[in-house]
Amino acid sequence: MDRRSPIEKARAYSFLLLKFRLRSEGELYERLKRKKFDEETIDATLAFLKGKGFLDDGYFAKSWVNSRLKKNLGSRRIKEELRLKGINREIIERELRRIKADYPEAEVVKGILNSKFKKISSEDPLKAKRRIYAYLLRRGFSSEVVLEALNNL
């Protein structure tokens, strides 16, 4: 029989989750809630983790943005993913401002566009452009950047 207190169990479960990957405060809250921990236990656990530096939404957002940029995703999609992870709007905006200067979205779109167009160039050109346009929008790129790249193709 497990004689640990609910707070000890919540901390252990939180550390187990954090062992696999960084998590936002919102994500961890939802996971603890799903495990049926009470609000007081969850709040105490999150406060402990934040106090010890294991939980930092600013660091999580920065790390998440960097990993998503490596997968060639657009800022709209990254913003939505962070919002779904429970990250504060100010943190999201700060991170998106940080990457705007260094992330050449138009160049990334052009690169994706060229590689995709080569693969489906045997199709009707109009149909191919529509498919690529929809693909790039799903990846979170702005329609203006995608349309400009398609028009320059």
C-alpha atoms as a PDB file:
ATOM      1  CA  MET A   1       0.000   0.000   0.000  1.00  0.00           C
ATOM      2  CA  ASP A   2       1.301   3.441  -0.917  1.00  0.00           C
ATOM      3  CA  ARG A   3       1.677   5.556   2.220  1.00  0.00           C
ATOM      4  CA  ARG A   4       2.864   8.718   0.510  1.00  0.00           C
ATOM      5  CA  SER A   5       0.852  11.895   0.969  1.00  0.00           C
ATOM      6  CA  PRO A   6      -1.122  13.267  -1.987  1.00  0.00           C
ATOM      7  CA  ILE A   7       1.447  16.048  -2.407  1.00  0.00           C
ATOM      8  CA  GLU A   8       4.286  13.518  -2.570  1.00  0.00           C
ATOM      9  CA  LYS A   9       2.337  11.491  -5.131  1.00  0.00           C
ATOM     10  CA  ALA A  10       1.616  14.607  -7.196  1.00  0.00           C
ATOM     11  CA  ARG A  11       5.279  15.634  -7.105  1.00  0.00           C
ATOM     12  CA  ALA A  12       6.403  12.150  -8.121  1.00  0.00           C
ATOM     13  CA  TYR A  13       3.935  12.097 -11.003  1.00  0.00           C
ATOM     14  CA  SER A  14       5.021  15.590 -12.080  1.00  0.00           C
ATOM     15  CA  PHE A  15       8.684  14.582 -12.063  1.00  0.00           C
ATOM     16  CA  LEU A  16       7.816  11.509 -14.106  1.00  0.00           C
ATOM     17  CA  LEU A  17       6.139  13.714 -16.733  1.00  0.00           C
ATOM     18  CA  LEU A  18       8.967  16.258 -16.700  1.00  0.00           C
ATOM     19  CA  LYS A  19      11.503  13.477 -17.164  1.00  0.00           C
ATOM     20  CA  PHE A  20      10.208  12.862 -20.679  1.00  0.00           C
ATOM     21  CA  ARG A  21       9.957  16.482 -21.859  1.00  0.00           C
ATOM     22  CA  LEU A  22       9.490  20.030 -20.645  1.00  0.00           C
ATOM     23  CA  ARG A  23       5.912  20.926 -19.815  1.00  0.00           C
ATOM     24  CA  SER A  24       4.059  24.165 -19.366  1.00  0.00           C
ATOM     25  CA  GLU A  25       2.314  24.989 -16.125  1.00  0.00           C
ATOM     26  CA  GLY A  26      -1.033  24.603 -17.889  1.00  0.00           C
ATOM     27  CA  GLU A  27      -0.149  21.174 -19.241  1.00  0.00           C
ATOM     28  CA  LEU A  28       1.022  19.948 -15.864  1.00  0.00           C
ATOM     29  CA  TYR A  29      -2.088  21.360 -14.192  1.00  0.00           C
ATOM     30  CA  GLU A  30      -4.326  19.481 -16.642  1.00  0.00           C
ATOM     31  CA  ARG A  31      -2.421  16.221 -16.198  1.00  0.00           C
ATOM     32  CA  LEU A  32      -2.611  16.444 -12.405  1.00  0.00           C
ATOM     33  CA  LYS A  33      -6.316  17.308 -12.645  1.00  0.00           C
ATOM     34  CA  ARG A  34      -6.859  14.275 -14.875  1.00  0.00           C
ATOM     35  CA  LYS A  35      -5.216  12.119 -12.197  1.00  0.00           C
ATOM     36  CA  LYS A  36      -7.881  13.398  -9.785  1.00  0.00           C
ATOM     37  CA  PHE A  37      -5.598  15.392  -7.478  1.00  0.00           C
ATOM     38  CA  ASP A  38      -7.448  18.126  -5.586  1.00  0.00           C
ATOM     39  CA  GLU A  39      -6.877  21.841  -6.286  1.00  0.00           C
ATOM     40  CA  GLU A  40      -4.898  22.404  -3.099  1.00  0.00           C
ATOM     41  CA  THR A  41      -2.488  19.575  -3.906  1.00  0.00           C
ATOM     42  CA  ILE A  42      -2.095  20.741  -7.505  1.00  0.00           C
ATOM     43  CA  ASP A  43      -1.427  24.342  -6.440  1.00  0.00           C
ATOM     44  CA  ALA A  44       1.124  23.232  -3.851  1.00  0.00           C
ATOM     45  CA  THR A  45       2.856  20.969  -6.359  1.00  0.00           C
ATOM     46  CA  LEU A  46       3.021  23.640  -9.059  1.00  0.00           C
ATOM     47  CA  ALA A  47       4.299  26.213  -6.546  1.00  0.00           C
ATOM     48  CA  PHE A  48       6.990  23.776  -5.406  1.00  0.00           C
ATOM     49  CA  LEU A  49       8.082  23.014  -8.976  1.00  0.00           C
ATOM     50  CA  LYS A  50       8.155  26.696  -9.924  1.00  0.00           C
ATOM     51  CA  GLY A  51      10.071  27.562  -6.766  1.00  0.00           C
ATOM     52  CA  LYS A  52      12.709  24.935  -7.520  1.00  0.00           C
ATOM     53  CA  GLY A  53      12.993  26.004 -11.165  1.00  0.00           C
ATOM     54  CA  PHE A  54      11.525  22.857 -12.682  1.00  0.00           C
ATOM     55  CA  LEU A  55       8.559  24.720 -14.150  1.00  0.00           C
ATOM     56  CA  ASP A  56       9.051  27.926 -16.137  1.00  0.00           C
ATOM     57  CA  ASP A  57       6.587  28.908 -18.865  1.00  0.00           C
ATOM     58  CA  GLY A  58       9.009  31.466 -20.335  1.00  0.00           C
ATOM     59  CA  TYR A  59      11.738  28.870 -20.769  1.00  0.00           C
ATOM     60  CA  PHE A  60       9.207  26.307 -22.010  1.00  0.00           C
ATOM     61  CA  ALA A  61       7.887  28.722 -24.646  1.00  0.00           C
ATOM     62  CA  LYS A  62      11.384  29.579 -25.854  1.00  0.00           C
ATOM     63  CA  SER A  63      12.305  25.913 -26.102  1.00  0.00           C
ATOM     64  CA  TRP A  64       9.021  25.024 -27.835  1.00  0.00           C
ATOM     65  CA  VAL A  65       9.404  27.832 -30.393  1.00  0.00           C
ATOM     66  CA  ASN A  66      12.974  26.795 -31.207  1.00  0.00           C
ATOM     67  CA  SER A  67      11.992  23.156 -31.686  1.00  0.00           C
ATOM     68  CA  ARG A  68       9.025  24.064 -33.906  1.00  0.00           C
ATOM     69  CA  LEU A  69      11.143  26.378 -36.066  1.00  0.00           C
ATOM     70  CA  LYS A  70      13.450  23.442 -36.781  1.00  0.00           C
ATOM     71  CA  LYS A  71      10.399  21.651 -38.189  1.00  0.00           C
ATOM     72  CA  ASN A  72       9.716  24.591 -40.527  1.00  0.00           C
ATOM     73  CA  LEU A  73       6.445  25.671 -38.990  1.00  0.00           C
ATOM     74  CA  GLY A  74       4.963  29.134 -39.318  1.00  0.00           C
ATOM     75  CA  SER A  75       4.426  31.590 -36.501  1.00  0.00           C
ATOM     76  CA  ARG A  76       0.613  31.261 -36.619  1.00  0.00           C
ATOM     77  CA  ARG A  77       0.781  27.551 -35.865  1.00  0.00           C
ATOM     78  CA  ILE A  78       3.422  28.009 -33.161  1.00  0.00           C
ATOM     79  CA  LYS A  79       1.274  30.690 -31.534  1.00  0.00           C
ATOM     80  CA  GLU A  80      -1.761  28.405 -31.521  1.00  0.00           C
ATOM     81  CA  GLU A  81       0.204  25.469 -30.107  1.00  0.00           C
ATOM     82  CA  LEU A  82       1.545  27.609 -27.257  1.00  0.00           C
ATOM     83  CA  ARG A  83      -1.944  28.919 -26.549  1.00  0.00           C
ATOM     84  CA  LEU A  84      -3.247  25.353 -26.334  1.00  0.00           C
ATOM     85  CA  LYS A  85      -0.433  24.504 -23.935  1.00  0.00           C
ATOM     86  CA  GLY A  86      -1.704  27.194 -21.570  1.00  0.00           C
ATOM     87  CA  ILE A  87       1.082  29.720 -22.089  1.00  0.00           C
ATOM     88  CA  ASN A  88       0.326  33.313 -21.141  1.00  0.00           C
ATOM     89  CA  ARG A  89      -0.393  35.622 -24.098  1.00  0.00           C
ATOM     90  CA  GLU A  90       2.405  38.052 -23.136  1.00  0.00           C
ATOM     91  CA  ILE A  91       4.973  35.246 -23.154  1.00  0.00           C
ATOM     92  CA  ILE A  92       3.732  34.047 -26.544  1.00  0.00           C
ATOM     93  CA  GLU A  93       3.934  37.536 -28.038  1.00  0.00           C
ATOM     94  CA  ARG A  94       7.418  38.074 -26.585  1.00  0.00           C
ATOM     95  CA  GLU A  95       8.694  34.836 -28.118  1.00  0.00           C
ATOM     96  CA  LEU A  96       7.125  35.564 -31.499  1.00  0.00           C
ATOM     97  CA  ARG A  97       8.716  39.037 -31.521  1.00  0.00           C
ATOM     98  CA  ARG A  98      12.048  37.414 -30.680  1.00  0.00           C
ATOM     99  CA  ILE A  99      11.942  35.102 -33.694  1.00  0.00           C
ATOM    100  CA  LYS A 100      10.491  37.586 -36.197  1.00  0.00           C
ATOM    101  CA  ALA A 101      13.885  39.233 -36.774  1.00  0.00           C
ATOM    102  CA  ASP A 102      15.827  35.983 -37.225  1.00  0.00           C
ATOM    103  CA  TYR A 103      13.325  33.670 -38.889  1.00  0.00           C
ATOM    104  CA  PRO A 104      13.147  34.198 -42.659  1.00  0.00           C
ATOM    105  CA  GLU A 105       9.583  32.958 -43.116  1.00  0.00           C
ATOM    106  CA  ALA A 106       9.478  33.885 -46.800  1.00  0.00           C
ATOM    107  CA  GLU A 107      12.670  31.916 -47.484  1.00  0.00           C
ATOM    108  CA  VAL A 108      11.382  28.895 -45.596  1.00  0.00           C
ATOM    109  CA  VAL A 109       8.120  29.023 -47.562  1.00  0.00           C
ATOM    110  CA  LYS A 110      10.056  29.238 -50.827  1.00  0.00           C
ATOM    111  CA  GLY A 111      12.143  26.212 -49.900  1.00  0.00           C
ATOM    112  CA  ILE A 112       9.116  24.129 -48.948  1.00  0.00           C
ATOM    113  CA  LEU A 113       7.276  25.327 -52.027  1.00  0.00           C
ATOM    114  CA  ASN A 114      10.058  24.294 -54.392  1.00  0.00           C
ATOM    115  CA  SER A 115      10.479  20.845 -52.868  1.00  0.00           C
ATOM    116  CA  LYS A 116       6.725  20.185 -52.795  1.00  0.00           C
ATOM    117  CA  PHE A 117       6.170  21.495 -56.306  1.00  0.00           C
ATOM    118  CA  LYS A 118       8.844  19.153 -57.708  1.00  0.00           C
ATOM    119  CA  LYS A 119       7.078  16.188 -56.133  1.00  0.00           C
ATOM    120  CA  ILE A 120       3.637  16.998 -57.548  1.00  0.00           C
ATOM    121  CA  SER A 121       4.602  18.852 -60.712  1.00  0.00           C
ATOM    122  CA  SER A 122       3.013  16.146 -62.861  1.00  0.00           C
ATOM    123  CA  GLU A 123      -0.415  17.262 -61.627  1.00  0.00           C
ATOM    124  CA  ASP A 124      -2.443  20.084 -63.082  1.00  0.00           C
ATOM    125  CA  PRO A 125      -0.499  23.271 -62.100  1.00  0.00           C
ATOM    126  CA  LEU A 126      -3.572  24.963 -60.640  1.00  0.00           C
ATOM    127  CA  LYS A 127      -4.461  21.916 -58.568  1.00  0.00           C
ATOM    128  CA  ALA A 128      -0.836  21.581 -57.420  1.00  0.00           C
ATOM    129  CA  LYS A 129      -0.761  25.234 -56.331  1.00  0.00           C
ATOM    130  CA  ARG A 130      -3.998  24.814 -54.378  1.00  0.00           C
ATOM    131  CA  ARG A 131      -2.660  21.744 -52.593  1.00  0.00           C
ATOM    132  CA  ILE A 132       0.611  23.448 -51.717  1.00  0.00           C
ATOM    133  CA  TYR A 133      -1.222  26.586 -50.574  1.00  0.00           C
ATOM    134  CA  ALA A 134      -3.424  24.549 -48.226  1.00  0.00           C
ATOM    135  CA  TYR A 135      -0.394  22.588 -46.967  1.00  0.00           C
ATOM    136  CA  LEU A 136       1.549  25.751 -46.138  1.00  0.00           C
ATOM    137  CA  LEU A 137      -1.447  27.314 -44.382  1.00  0.00           C
ATOM    138  CA  ARG A 138      -1.801  24.178 -42.237  1.00  0.00           C
ATOM    139  CA  ARG A 139       1.850  24.544 -41.294  1.00  0.00           C
ATOM    140  CA  GLY A 140       1.062  27.989 -39.922  1.00  0.00           C
ATOM    141  CA  PHE A 141       2.475  30.338 -42.530  1.00  0.00           C
ATOM    142  CA  SER A 142       0.617  33.557 -43.283  1.00  0.00           C
ATOM    143  CA  SER A 143      -1.486  33.590 -46.429  1.00  0.00           C
ATOM    144  CA  GLU A 144       0.281  36.761 -47.667  1.00  0.00           C
ATOM    145  CA  VAL A 145       3.715  35.108 -47.585  1.00  0.00           C
ATOM    146  CA  VAL A 146       2.383  31.920 -49.188  1.00  0.00           C
ATOM    147  CA  LEU A 147       0.547  33.790 -51.959  1.00  0.00           C
ATOM    148  CA  GLU A 148       3.601  35.911 -52.722  1.00  0.00           C
ATOM    149  CA  ALA A 149       5.792  32.822 -52.964  1.00  0.00           C
ATOM    150  CA  LEU A 150       3.243  31.033 -55.164  1.00  0.00           C
ATOM    151  CA  ASN A 151       2.951  34.045 -57.478  1.00  0.00           C
ATOM    152  CA  ASN A 152       6.736  34.182 -57.827  1.00  0.00           C
ATOM    153  CA  LEU A 153       6.882  30.478 -58.699  1.00  0.00           C
END
